[in-house]
Amino acid sequence: MKTLNYQNVAVITGAGRGLGESISKELADSGYHVAITDIDLERAKKLSHRINKDGGSSIAIRLDVTDKSGFESALKLVAERFGGVGVLVNNAARTSTTPIFDISPDEFLDVSSTNLLSVFLGSQVFGSYFKDNNYGRIINISSLAGQNGGSATGAHYAASKGGSLL
């Protein structure tokens, strides 16, 4: 299925549940073709099925947001399916409320990669594509924890969400 108005094609990361699910539904209800990306492909497929059943237009894609090649593959797949892409919503996030003195280096890197590296990689891959096409919108979903600190959400979550405000 191709569309001439690729500006109404959106890719949403972490879209299989929560805020990403709501964003996907709202965009589909507003006439966007949506690519529901999530590390859990089955969850993404279930949402895509519901959107398509309700008259929307969507596809499900497994995406590990910590992998640049995953973003490149997702972009290629969506552009082939819908004729282009006009919007990227960097929504994927990982939350952990581990007390600061108990956060392991691996946990810190895992949360930071999902919440911050993903924004960088997605923006880099899609931003280059948008530049080449003279159109594109990137929406980065952050958190008040990025401004207020991580007393309730975990220091690593707060630090990574503060970085995603860029």
N, C-alpha and C. Protein backbone atom coordinates (compact mmCIF):
# COMPACT_ATOMS: atom_id res chain seq x y z
N MET A 1 0.84 -1.18 0.00
CA MET A 1 0.00 0.00 0.00
C MET A 1 0.88 1.24 0.00
N LYS A 2 0.71 2.12 -0.94
CA LYS A 2 1.51 3.35 -1.04
C LYS A 2 0.59 4.54 -0.88
N THR A 3 1.16 5.58 -0.31
CA THR A 3 0.43 6.82 -0.18
C THR A 3 1.26 7.94 -0.77
N LEU A 4 0.62 8.90 -1.40
CA LEU A 4 1.35 10.03 -1.96
C LEU A 4 1.72 11.04 -0.88
N ASN A 5 1.00 11.03 0.23
CA ASN A 5 1.26 11.99 1.29
C ASN A 5 2.02 11.32 2.43
N TYR A 6 3.32 11.13 2.21
CA TYR A 6 4.13 10.46 3.22
C TYR A 6 4.25 11.29 4.50
N GLN A 7 3.86 12.57 4.45
CA GLN A 7 3.89 13.40 5.65
C GLN A 7 2.92 12.86 6.70
N ASN A 8 1.94 12.08 6.29
CA ASN A 8 0.98 11.48 7.22
C ASN A 8 1.33 10.04 7.54
N VAL A 9 2.63 9.75 7.56
CA VAL A 9 3.13 8.44 7.96
C VAL A 9 4.01 8.65 9.19
N ALA A 10 3.68 7.95 10.27
CA ALA A 10 4.41 8.13 11.52
C ALA A 10 4.97 6.80 12.02
N VAL A 11 6.17 6.86 12.53
CA VAL A 11 6.82 5.74 13.19
C VAL A 11 6.87 6.06 14.67
N ILE A 12 6.33 5.16 15.50
CA ILE A 12 6.30 5.37 16.94
C ILE A 12 7.10 4.26 17.61
N THR A 13 8.12 4.63 18.39
CA THR A 13 8.89 3.62 19.11
C THR A 13 8.22 3.30 20.44
N GLY A 14 8.44 2.08 20.90
CA GLY A 14 7.83 1.65 22.16
C GLY A 14 6.32 1.77 22.12
N ALA A 15 5.74 1.40 21.00
CA ALA A 15 4.33 1.68 20.75
C ALA A 15 3.40 0.54 21.12
N GLY A 16 3.91 -0.55 21.62
CA GLY A 16 3.06 -1.71 21.88
C GLY A 16 2.16 -1.59 23.09
N ARG A 17 2.43 -0.61 23.96
CA ARG A 17 1.59 -0.44 25.15
C ARG A 17 1.80 0.96 25.71
N GLY A 18 1.01 1.30 26.71
CA GLY A 18 1.19 2.56 27.43
C GLY A 18 1.00 3.78 26.56
N LEU A 19 1.84 4.77 26.78
CA LEU A 19 1.75 6.02 26.04
C LEU A 19 1.92 5.80 24.54
N GLY A 20 2.83 4.93 24.15
CA GLY A 20 3.05 4.65 22.73
C GLY A 20 1.81 4.09 22.06
N GLU A 21 1.09 3.23 22.77
CA GLU A 21 -0.16 2.68 22.25
C GLU A 21 -1.18 3.81 22.04
N SER A 22 -1.29 4.69 23.02
CA SER A 22 -2.23 5.81 22.92
C SER A 22 -1.87 6.74 21.76
N ILE A 23 -0.59 7.03 21.61
CA ILE A 23 -0.14 7.89 20.51
C ILE A 23 -0.47 7.23 19.17
N SER A 24 -0.21 5.94 19.06
CA SER A 24 -0.48 5.21 17.82
C SER A 24 -1.95 5.26 17.45
N LYS A 25 -2.80 5.00 18.44
CA LYS A 25 -4.25 5.03 18.19
C LYS A 25 -4.72 6.42 17.78
N GLU A 26 -4.25 7.43 18.47
CA GLU A 26 -4.66 8.81 18.17
C GLU A 26 -4.22 9.22 16.78
N LEU A 27 -2.99 8.90 16.41
CA LEU A 27 -2.51 9.23 15.07
C LEU A 27 -3.31 8.48 14.01
N ALA A 28 -3.57 7.20 14.25
CA ALA A 28 -4.36 6.42 13.29
C ALA A 28 -5.77 6.99 13.16
N ASP A 29 -6.37 7.37 14.29
CA ASP A 29 -7.71 7.98 14.25
C ASP A 29 -7.70 9.32 13.53
N SER A 30 -6.55 9.96 13.47
CA SER A 30 -6.42 11.25 12.79
C SER A 30 -6.02 11.11 11.32
N GLY A 31 -5.99 9.87 10.84
CA GLY A 31 -5.71 9.64 9.42
C GLY A 31 -4.27 9.31 9.08
N TYR A 32 -3.42 9.14 10.07
CA TYR A 32 -2.03 8.76 9.81
C TYR A 32 -1.93 7.27 9.55
N HIS A 33 -0.98 6.90 8.72
CA HIS A 33 -0.53 5.52 8.61
C HIS A 33 0.52 5.39 9.70
N VAL A 34 0.40 4.38 10.56
CA VAL A 34 1.32 4.28 11.68
C VAL A 34 2.13 2.99 11.64
N ALA A 35 3.39 3.13 11.97
CA ALA A 35 4.27 1.99 12.15
C ALA A 35 4.45 1.82 13.65
N ILE A 36 3.92 0.75 14.16
CA ILE A 36 3.97 0.45 15.59
C ILE A 36 5.24 -0.37 15.81
N THR A 37 6.24 0.26 16.40
CA THR A 37 7.48 -0.46 16.65
C THR A 37 7.59 -0.74 18.14
N ASP A 38 8.12 -1.92 18.42
CA ASP A 38 8.28 -2.34 19.81
C ASP A 38 9.26 -3.50 19.83
N ILE A 39 9.94 -3.67 20.93
CA ILE A 39 10.84 -4.82 21.06
C ILE A 39 10.04 -6.12 21.12
N ASP A 40 8.79 -6.03 21.56
CA ASP A 40 7.89 -7.17 21.63
C ASP A 40 6.99 -7.16 20.39
N LEU A 41 7.38 -7.92 19.39
CA LEU A 41 6.65 -7.92 18.11
C LEU A 41 5.21 -8.38 18.28
N GLU A 42 4.96 -9.36 19.12
CA GLU A 42 3.59 -9.85 19.30
C GLU A 42 2.68 -8.75 19.85
N ARG A 43 3.20 -7.98 20.79
CA ARG A 43 2.41 -6.87 21.34
C ARG A 43 2.13 -5.83 20.25
N ALA A 44 3.13 -5.55 19.43
CA ALA A 44 2.95 -4.59 18.33
C ALA A 44 1.92 -5.11 17.32
N LYS A 45 1.99 -6.40 17.02
CA LYS A 45 1.04 -6.99 16.08
C LYS A 45 -0.40 -6.91 16.58
N LYS A 46 -0.59 -7.15 17.86
CA LYS A 46 -1.95 -7.08 18.43
C LYS A 46 -2.52 -5.67 18.28
N LEU A 47 -1.72 -4.66 18.57
CA LEU A 47 -2.20 -3.28 18.43
C LEU A 47 -2.44 -2.96 16.96
N SER A 48 -1.55 -3.36 16.09
CA SER A 48 -1.73 -3.11 14.66
C SER A 48 -3.02 -3.74 14.16
N HIS A 49 -3.29 -4.96 14.59
CA HIS A 49 -4.52 -5.65 14.20
C HIS A 49 -5.75 -4.85 14.64
N ARG A 50 -5.74 -4.37 15.89
CA ARG A 50 -6.87 -3.59 16.40
C ARG A 50 -7.06 -2.30 15.62
N ILE A 51 -5.96 -1.63 15.32
CA ILE A 51 -6.05 -0.36 14.56
C ILE A 51 -6.60 -0.63 13.16
N ASN A 52 -6.10 -1.66 12.49
CA ASN A 52 -6.55 -1.98 11.14
C ASN A 52 -8.01 -2.44 11.15
N LYS A 53 -8.40 -3.18 12.16
CA LYS A 53 -9.78 -3.64 12.29
C LYS A 53 -10.74 -2.45 12.46
N ASP A 54 -10.25 -1.40 13.13
CA ASP A 54 -11.06 -0.20 13.34
C ASP A 54 -11.01 0.78 12.18
N GLY A 55 -10.42 0.36 11.06
CA GLY A 55 -10.39 1.19 9.87
C GLY A 55 -9.13 2.02 9.69
N GLY A 56 -8.17 1.85 10.57
CA GLY A 56 -6.91 2.57 10.45
C GLY A 56 -5.94 1.84 9.54
N SER A 57 -4.76 2.38 9.43
CA SER A 57 -3.72 1.81 8.58
C SER A 57 -2.43 1.74 9.38
N SER A 58 -1.98 0.49 9.64
CA SER A 58 -0.77 0.34 10.44
C SER A 58 -0.03 -0.93 10.08
N ILE A 59 1.23 -0.94 10.50
CA ILE A 59 2.05 -2.15 10.42
C ILE A 59 2.79 -2.28 11.74
N ALA A 60 3.16 -3.50 12.06
CA ALA A 60 3.92 -3.79 13.28
C ALA A 60 5.34 -4.16 12.88
N ILE A 61 6.30 -3.61 13.63
CA ILE A 61 7.71 -3.88 13.35
C ILE A 61 8.43 -4.12 14.67
N ARG A 62 9.22 -5.18 14.74
CA ARG A 62 10.07 -5.37 15.92
C ARG A 62 11.24 -4.41 15.79
N LEU A 63 11.47 -3.63 16.85
CA LEU A 63 12.57 -2.68 16.84
C LEU A 63 13.25 -2.66 18.20
N ASP A 64 14.53 -2.98 18.20
CA ASP A 64 15.37 -2.77 19.37
C ASP A 64 15.95 -1.37 19.21
N VAL A 65 15.49 -0.43 20.02
CA VAL A 65 15.86 0.98 19.85
C VAL A 65 17.30 1.28 20.23
N THR A 66 18.03 0.29 20.70
CA THR A 66 19.44 0.49 21.01
C THR A 66 20.33 0.05 19.86
N ASP A 67 19.72 -0.28 18.73
CA ASP A 67 20.45 -0.79 17.56
C ASP A 67 20.19 0.11 16.35
N LYS A 68 21.22 0.80 15.90
CA LYS A 68 21.06 1.73 14.77
C LYS A 68 20.56 1.02 13.52
N SER A 69 21.06 -0.17 13.25
CA SER A 69 20.62 -0.90 12.06
C SER A 69 19.13 -1.24 12.13
N GLY A 70 18.60 -1.40 13.34
CA GLY A 70 17.17 -1.63 13.49
C GLY A 70 16.36 -0.43 13.04
N PHE A 71 16.82 0.77 13.39
CA PHE A 71 16.15 1.98 12.92
C PHE A 71 16.24 2.09 11.40
N GLU A 72 17.40 1.76 10.84
CA GLU A 72 17.56 1.83 9.38
C GLU A 72 16.63 0.85 8.68
N SER A 73 16.52 -0.35 9.21
CA SER A 73 15.61 -1.35 8.63
C SER A 73 14.16 -0.93 8.75
N ALA A 74 13.78 -0.39 9.90
CA ALA A 74 12.40 0.06 10.10
C ALA A 74 12.07 1.19 9.12
N LEU A 75 12.97 2.14 8.97
CA LEU A 75 12.75 3.24 8.03
C LEU A 75 12.55 2.71 6.62
N LYS A 76 13.40 1.81 6.20
CA LYS A 76 13.29 1.24 4.85
C LYS A 76 11.96 0.52 4.66
N LEU A 77 11.58 -0.28 5.63
CA LEU A 77 10.33 -1.04 5.53
C LEU A 77 9.11 -0.12 5.46
N VAL A 78 9.08 0.90 6.32
CA VAL A 78 7.94 1.81 6.34
C VAL A 78 7.89 2.65 5.06
N ALA A 79 9.03 3.13 4.60
CA ALA A 79 9.07 3.92 3.36
C ALA A 79 8.61 3.08 2.17
N GLU A 80 9.00 1.82 2.12
CA GLU A 80 8.55 0.95 1.04
C GLU A 80 7.06 0.70 1.12
N ARG A 81 6.56 0.51 2.31
CA ARG A 81 5.13 0.19 2.50
C ARG A 81 4.21 1.37 2.22
N PHE A 82 4.60 2.56 2.72
CA PHE A 82 3.72 3.72 2.65
C PHE A 82 4.22 4.83 1.73
N GLY A 83 5.34 4.63 1.07
CA GLY A 83 5.85 5.62 0.13
C GLY A 83 6.73 6.68 0.76
N GLY A 84 6.97 6.60 2.05
CA GLY A 84 7.82 7.55 2.75
C GLY A 84 7.41 7.65 4.20
N VAL A 85 8.11 8.51 4.93
CA VAL A 85 7.84 8.73 6.35
C VAL A 85 7.93 10.22 6.61
N GLY A 86 7.01 10.74 7.42
CA GLY A 86 7.04 12.16 7.75
C GLY A 86 7.24 12.47 9.22
N VAL A 87 7.02 11.46 10.10
CA VAL A 87 7.07 11.71 11.54
C VAL A 87 7.75 10.54 12.25
N LEU A 88 8.63 10.88 13.19
CA LEU A 88 9.18 9.90 14.12
C LEU A 88 8.82 10.34 15.53
N VAL A 89 8.22 9.44 16.30
CA VAL A 89 7.94 9.71 17.70
C VAL A 89 8.86 8.80 18.52
N ASN A 90 9.88 9.41 19.13
CA ASN A 90 10.80 8.68 20.01
C ASN A 90 10.14 8.55 21.38
N ASN A 91 9.46 7.44 21.58
CA ASN A 91 8.67 7.23 22.79
C ASN A 91 9.22 6.12 23.68
N ALA A 92 9.96 5.18 23.14
CA ALA A 92 10.40 4.02 23.91
C ALA A 92 11.11 4.45 25.18
N ALA A 93 10.81 3.73 26.27
CA ALA A 93 11.43 4.05 27.55
C ALA A 93 11.48 2.83 28.44
N ARG A 94 12.43 2.84 29.33
CA ARG A 94 12.54 1.81 30.35
C ARG A 94 12.61 2.52 31.69
N THR A 95 11.78 2.09 32.62
CA THR A 95 11.73 2.69 33.95
C THR A 95 12.24 1.68 34.97
N SER A 96 13.00 2.17 35.92
CA SER A 96 13.45 1.34 37.03
C SER A 96 13.57 2.23 38.26
N THR A 97 13.02 1.79 39.36
CA THR A 97 13.02 2.61 40.58
C THR A 97 14.08 2.13 41.57
N THR A 98 15.12 1.51 41.07
CA THR A 98 16.20 1.05 41.93
C THR A 98 16.82 2.24 42.67
N PRO A 99 17.00 2.13 43.98
CA PRO A 99 17.68 3.21 44.71
C PRO A 99 19.07 3.48 44.14
N ILE A 100 19.50 4.71 44.18
CA ILE A 100 20.73 5.14 43.51
C ILE A 100 21.95 4.31 43.90
N PHE A 101 22.07 3.95 45.16
CA PHE A 101 23.25 3.20 45.60
C PHE A 101 23.19 1.73 45.22
N ASP A 102 22.06 1.29 44.70
CA ASP A 102 21.90 -0.11 44.30
C ASP A 102 21.90 -0.31 42.79
N ILE A 103 22.01 0.77 42.02
CA ILE A 103 22.01 0.66 40.56
C ILE A 103 23.34 0.09 40.10
N SER A 104 23.29 -1.02 39.39
CA SER A 104 24.52 -1.61 38.85
C SER A 104 24.89 -0.89 37.56
N PRO A 105 26.15 -0.96 37.17
CA PRO A 105 26.54 -0.36 35.89
C PRO A 105 25.73 -0.91 34.72
N ASP A 106 25.45 -2.22 34.73
CA ASP A 106 24.67 -2.81 33.64
C ASP A 106 23.25 -2.25 33.60
N GLU A 107 22.63 -2.10 34.77
CA GLU A 107 21.28 -1.55 34.82
C GLU A 107 21.28 -0.09 34.35
N PHE A 108 22.28 0.66 34.78
CA PHE A 108 22.40 2.06 34.36
C PHE A 108 22.49 2.14 32.84
N LEU A 109 23.36 1.32 32.25
CA LEU A 109 23.53 1.33 30.79
C LEU A 109 22.28 0.87 30.07
N ASP A 110 21.59 -0.13 30.61
CA ASP A 110 20.36 -0.64 30.00
C ASP A 110 19.29 0.45 29.95
N VAL A 111 19.05 1.11 31.07
CA VAL A 111 18.05 2.18 31.12
C VAL A 111 18.47 3.35 30.24
N SER A 112 19.73 3.74 30.33
CA SER A 112 20.23 4.88 29.54
C SER A 112 20.17 4.59 28.04
N SER A 113 20.50 3.38 27.66
CA SER A 113 20.45 3.03 26.23
C SER A 113 19.04 3.09 25.68
N THR A 114 18.10 2.55 26.44
CA THR A 114 16.71 2.58 25.98
C THR A 114 16.16 3.99 25.94
N ASN A 115 16.47 4.79 26.94
CA ASN A 115 15.86 6.11 27.06
C ASN A 115 16.61 7.24 26.36
N LEU A 116 17.90 7.11 26.19
CA LEU A 116 18.68 8.22 25.64
C LEU A 116 19.38 7.85 24.34
N LEU A 117 20.10 6.74 24.32
CA LEU A 117 20.76 6.32 23.08
C LEU A 117 19.73 6.15 21.97
N SER A 118 18.56 5.63 22.32
CA SER A 118 17.52 5.42 21.31
C SER A 118 17.08 6.73 20.66
N VAL A 119 17.00 7.79 21.43
CA VAL A 119 16.62 9.10 20.89
C VAL A 119 17.69 9.59 19.92
N PHE A 120 18.94 9.42 20.31
CA PHE A 120 20.05 9.80 19.43
C PHE A 120 20.02 9.00 18.13
N LEU A 121 19.93 7.68 18.24
CA LEU A 121 19.96 6.84 17.04
C LEU A 121 18.77 7.10 16.13
N GLY A 122 17.57 7.14 16.71
CA GLY A 122 16.38 7.40 15.90
C GLY A 122 16.44 8.76 15.22
N SER A 123 16.87 9.76 15.97
CA SER A 123 16.96 11.12 15.41
C SER A 123 18.03 11.19 14.33
N GLN A 124 19.12 10.48 14.52
CA GLN A 124 20.18 10.47 13.53
C GLN A 124 19.72 9.82 12.22
N VAL A 125 19.13 8.65 12.33
CA VAL A 125 18.70 7.90 11.13
C VAL A 125 17.56 8.63 10.42
N PHE A 126 16.50 8.96 11.16
CA PHE A 126 15.35 9.61 10.54
C PHE A 126 15.65 11.07 10.19
N GLY A 127 16.45 11.74 11.00
CA GLY A 127 16.80 13.13 10.70
C GLY A 127 17.53 13.25 9.37
N SER A 128 18.42 12.33 9.10
CA SER A 128 19.12 12.34 7.81
C SER A 128 18.15 12.12 6.66
N TYR A 129 17.24 11.17 6.84
CA TYR A 129 16.21 10.90 5.83
C TYR A 129 15.33 12.13 5.62
N PHE A 130 14.90 12.76 6.73
CA PHE A 130 14.05 13.95 6.63
C PHE A 130 14.78 15.09 5.94
N LYS A 131 16.04 15.25 6.24
CA LYS A 131 16.85 16.30 5.58
C LYS A 131 16.89 16.06 4.07
N ASP A 132 17.13 14.83 3.67
CA ASP A 132 17.19 14.49 2.25
C ASP A 132 15.85 14.72 1.55
N ASN A 133 14.75 14.60 2.28
CA ASN A 133 13.42 14.77 1.71
C ASN A 133 12.81 16.15 1.98
N ASN A 134 13.58 17.02 2.60
CA ASN A 134 13.14 18.38 2.90
C ASN A 134 11.86 18.44 3.71
N TYR A 135 11.62 17.39 4.52
CA TYR A 135 10.44 17.40 5.39
C TYR A 135 10.60 16.31 6.45
N GLY A 136 10.15 16.62 7.62
CA GLY A 136 10.10 15.60 8.66
C GLY A 136 9.92 16.23 10.02
N ARG A 137 9.31 15.48 10.91
CA ARG A 137 9.07 15.93 12.27
C ARG A 137 9.56 14.84 13.22
N ILE A 138 10.33 15.25 14.22
CA ILE A 138 10.79 14.33 15.26
C ILE A 138 10.22 14.82 16.59
N ILE A 139 9.52 13.93 17.27
CA ILE A 139 8.93 14.23 18.57
C ILE A 139 9.60 13.33 19.59
N ASN A 140 10.26 13.94 20.57
CA ASN A 140 10.92 13.18 21.63
C ASN A 140 10.07 13.26 22.89
N ILE A 141 9.67 12.11 23.39
CA ILE A 141 8.88 12.05 24.61
C ILE A 141 9.84 11.99 25.79
N SER A 142 9.71 12.92 26.70
CA SER A 142 10.57 12.96 27.87
C SER A 142 9.73 12.74 29.12
N SER A 143 10.18 13.25 30.24
CA SER A 143 9.50 13.08 31.51
C SER A 143 9.86 14.23 32.43
N LEU A 144 8.94 14.58 33.29
CA LEU A 144 9.24 15.60 34.30
C LEU A 144 10.40 15.16 35.19
N ALA A 145 10.63 13.85 35.30
CA ALA A 145 11.76 13.36 36.08
C ALA A 145 13.08 13.90 35.52
N GLY A 146 13.12 14.16 34.23
CA GLY A 146 14.32 14.72 33.61
C GLY A 146 14.60 16.14 34.06
N GLN A 147 13.59 16.83 34.53
CA GLN A 147 13.76 18.19 35.04
C GLN A 147 13.85 18.22 36.56
N ASN A 148 13.12 17.31 37.22
CA ASN A 148 12.97 17.37 38.68
C ASN A 148 13.86 16.39 39.43
N GLY A 149 14.51 15.50 38.74
CA GLY A 149 15.32 14.50 39.42
C GLY A 149 14.59 13.19 39.57
N GLY A 150 15.29 12.22 40.12
CA GLY A 150 14.77 10.86 40.11
C GLY A 150 14.45 10.26 41.45
N SER A 151 13.94 11.04 42.36
CA SER A 151 13.65 10.47 43.68
C SER A 151 12.58 9.38 43.62
N ALA A 152 11.63 9.50 42.74
CA ALA A 152 10.55 8.49 42.64
C ALA A 152 10.75 7.55 41.47
N THR A 153 11.56 7.93 40.50
CA THR A 153 11.66 7.15 39.27
C THR A 153 13.01 6.49 39.05
N GLY A 154 13.97 6.76 39.86
CA GLY A 154 15.31 6.22 39.67
C GLY A 154 16.22 7.26 39.04
N ALA A 155 17.40 7.39 39.59
CA ALA A 155 18.35 8.41 39.11
C ALA A 155 18.73 8.18 37.66
N HIS A 156 18.90 6.94 37.26
CA HIS A 156 19.29 6.65 35.89
C HIS A 156 18.16 6.97 34.91
N TYR A 157 16.92 6.73 35.32
CA TYR A 157 15.79 7.11 34.48
C TYR A 157 15.75 8.63 34.33
N ALA A 158 15.85 9.35 35.43
CA ALA A 158 15.80 10.81 35.40
C ALA A 158 16.92 11.39 34.54
N ALA A 159 18.13 10.88 34.72
CA ALA A 159 19.27 11.38 33.94
C ALA A 159 19.06 11.15 32.45
N SER A 160 18.60 9.97 32.10
CA SER A 160 18.41 9.66 30.67
C SER A 160 17.25 10.44 30.07
N LYS A 161 16.20 10.67 30.83
CA LYS A 161 15.07 11.45 30.31
C LYS A 161 15.42 12.93 30.22
N GLY A 162 16.26 13.42 31.12
CA GLY A 162 16.74 14.79 31.01
C GLY A 162 17.55 14.98 29.74
N GLY A 163 18.35 13.99 29.39
CA GLY A 163 19.13 14.06 28.16
C GLY A 163 18.27 14.01 26.92
N SER A 164 17.12 13.38 27.01
CA SER A 164 16.25 13.25 25.82
C SER A 164 15.46 14.53 25.57
N LEU A 165 15.63 15.54 26.40
CA LEU A 165 14.95 16.83 26.19
C LEU A 165 15.56 17.60 25.02
N LEU A 166 16.69 17.13 24.52
CA LEU A 166 17.38 17.84 23.45
C LEU A 166 16.54 18.05 22.23
